[in-house]
Amino acid sequence: MNIDENNHVVLREYFMKKEKKIGEWTNEEIVLFHTIIHQSFSNKKNSSLSDVHELVVKELLSRKIGHSNFDSLDEVKKDE
């Protein structure tokens, strides 16, 4: 990914555009995006972030990367 002053890319937007191809992401991209989701959620609680988080956690677990509870985002939808 080339980033210059005229073509600034926000990481969250970069990953959100790739969401439908999550199976093609590298492990490093998935872990980084997981971190970005948690940071974004701590700034602004948003149901779409919790939906994306659920997708990322499923991918983490399917790759046997693992996932542990970190903050309130990890508690969303557990009761359903």
Protein backbone atom coordinates (compact mmCIF):
# COMPACT_ATOMS: atom_id res chain seq x y z
CA MET A 1 0.00 0.00 0.00
CA ASN A 2 1.55 3.26 -1.10
CA ILE A 3 0.58 6.29 0.90
CA ASP A 4 1.62 9.79 -0.06
CA GLU A 5 0.44 13.28 0.87
CA ASN A 6 -2.02 13.42 -2.03
CA ASN A 7 -3.50 9.96 -1.48
CA HIS A 8 -4.00 9.58 2.27
CA VAL A 9 -5.59 6.29 3.32
CA VAL A 10 -7.28 5.80 6.68
CA LEU A 11 -6.49 2.28 7.85
CA ARG A 12 -10.01 1.58 9.07
CA GLU A 13 -11.45 2.56 5.67
CA TYR A 14 -8.83 0.47 3.89
CA PHE A 15 -9.86 -2.63 5.80
CA MET A 16 -13.60 -1.94 5.65
CA LYS A 17 -13.38 -1.96 1.84
CA LYS A 18 -11.66 -5.36 2.00
CA GLU A 19 -14.18 -6.86 4.44
CA LYS A 20 -15.85 -9.15 1.89
CA LYS A 21 -12.50 -10.79 1.09
CA ILE A 22 -11.43 -11.44 4.69
CA GLY A 23 -10.51 -15.02 3.82
CA GLU A 24 -7.74 -13.64 1.59
CA TRP A 25 -6.24 -11.39 4.27
CA THR A 26 -2.90 -12.22 5.82
CA ASN A 27 -2.84 -13.11 9.52
CA GLU A 28 -1.06 -9.81 10.17
CA GLU A 29 -3.85 -7.84 8.45
CA ILE A 30 -6.52 -9.59 10.51
CA VAL A 31 -4.71 -8.96 13.80
CA LEU A 32 -4.08 -5.31 12.87
CA PHE A 33 -7.69 -4.76 11.86
CA HIS A 34 -8.88 -6.40 15.08
CA THR A 35 -6.81 -3.84 17.00
CA ILE A 36 -8.23 -0.99 14.91
CA ILE A 37 -11.80 -2.14 15.60
CA HIS A 38 -11.17 -2.13 19.35
CA GLN A 39 -9.62 1.33 19.22
CA SER A 40 -12.51 2.67 17.14
CA PHE A 41 -15.09 1.09 19.44
CA SER A 42 -13.51 2.64 22.53
CA ASN A 43 -13.89 6.05 20.86
CA LYS A 44 -17.40 5.55 19.49
CA LYS A 45 -19.59 2.60 20.36
CA ASN A 46 -21.23 1.53 17.12
CA SER A 47 -23.28 -1.54 16.24
CA SER A 48 -21.68 -1.86 12.81
CA LEU A 49 -18.29 -2.12 14.52
CA SER A 50 -19.57 -4.95 16.71
CA ASP A 51 -20.84 -6.77 13.60
CA VAL A 52 -17.46 -6.40 11.88
CA HIS A 53 -15.72 -7.46 15.10
CA GLU A 54 -17.77 -10.65 15.16
CA LEU A 55 -16.68 -11.40 11.57
CA VAL A 56 -13.02 -10.80 12.43
CA VAL A 57 -13.18 -12.96 15.57
CA LYS A 58 -14.66 -15.84 13.55
CA GLU A 59 -11.79 -15.52 11.09
CA LEU A 60 -9.21 -15.37 13.90
CA LEU A 61 -10.62 -18.53 15.44
CA SER A 62 -10.90 -20.35 12.12
CA ARG A 63 -7.18 -19.73 11.59
CA LYS A 64 -6.46 -20.88 15.13
CA ILE A 65 -4.94 -17.48 15.97
CA GLY A 66 -7.12 -17.21 19.05
CA HIS A 67 -9.00 -14.38 20.66
CA SER A 68 -9.33 -13.30 24.26
CA ASN A 69 -11.65 -10.79 25.91
CA PHE A 70 -10.12 -7.35 26.00
CA ASP A 71 -12.88 -4.80 26.57
CA SER A 72 -16.64 -4.22 26.34
CA LEU A 73 -16.63 -4.90 22.58
CA ASP A 74 -15.87 -8.54 23.36
CA GLU A 75 -19.02 -8.72 25.49
CA VAL A 76 -21.36 -7.49 22.73
CA LYS A 77 -23.78 -10.16 21.46
CA LYS A 78 -22.50 -12.82 23.89
CA ASP A 79 -25.95 -13.17 25.41
CA GLU A 80 -27.67 -13.84 22.08
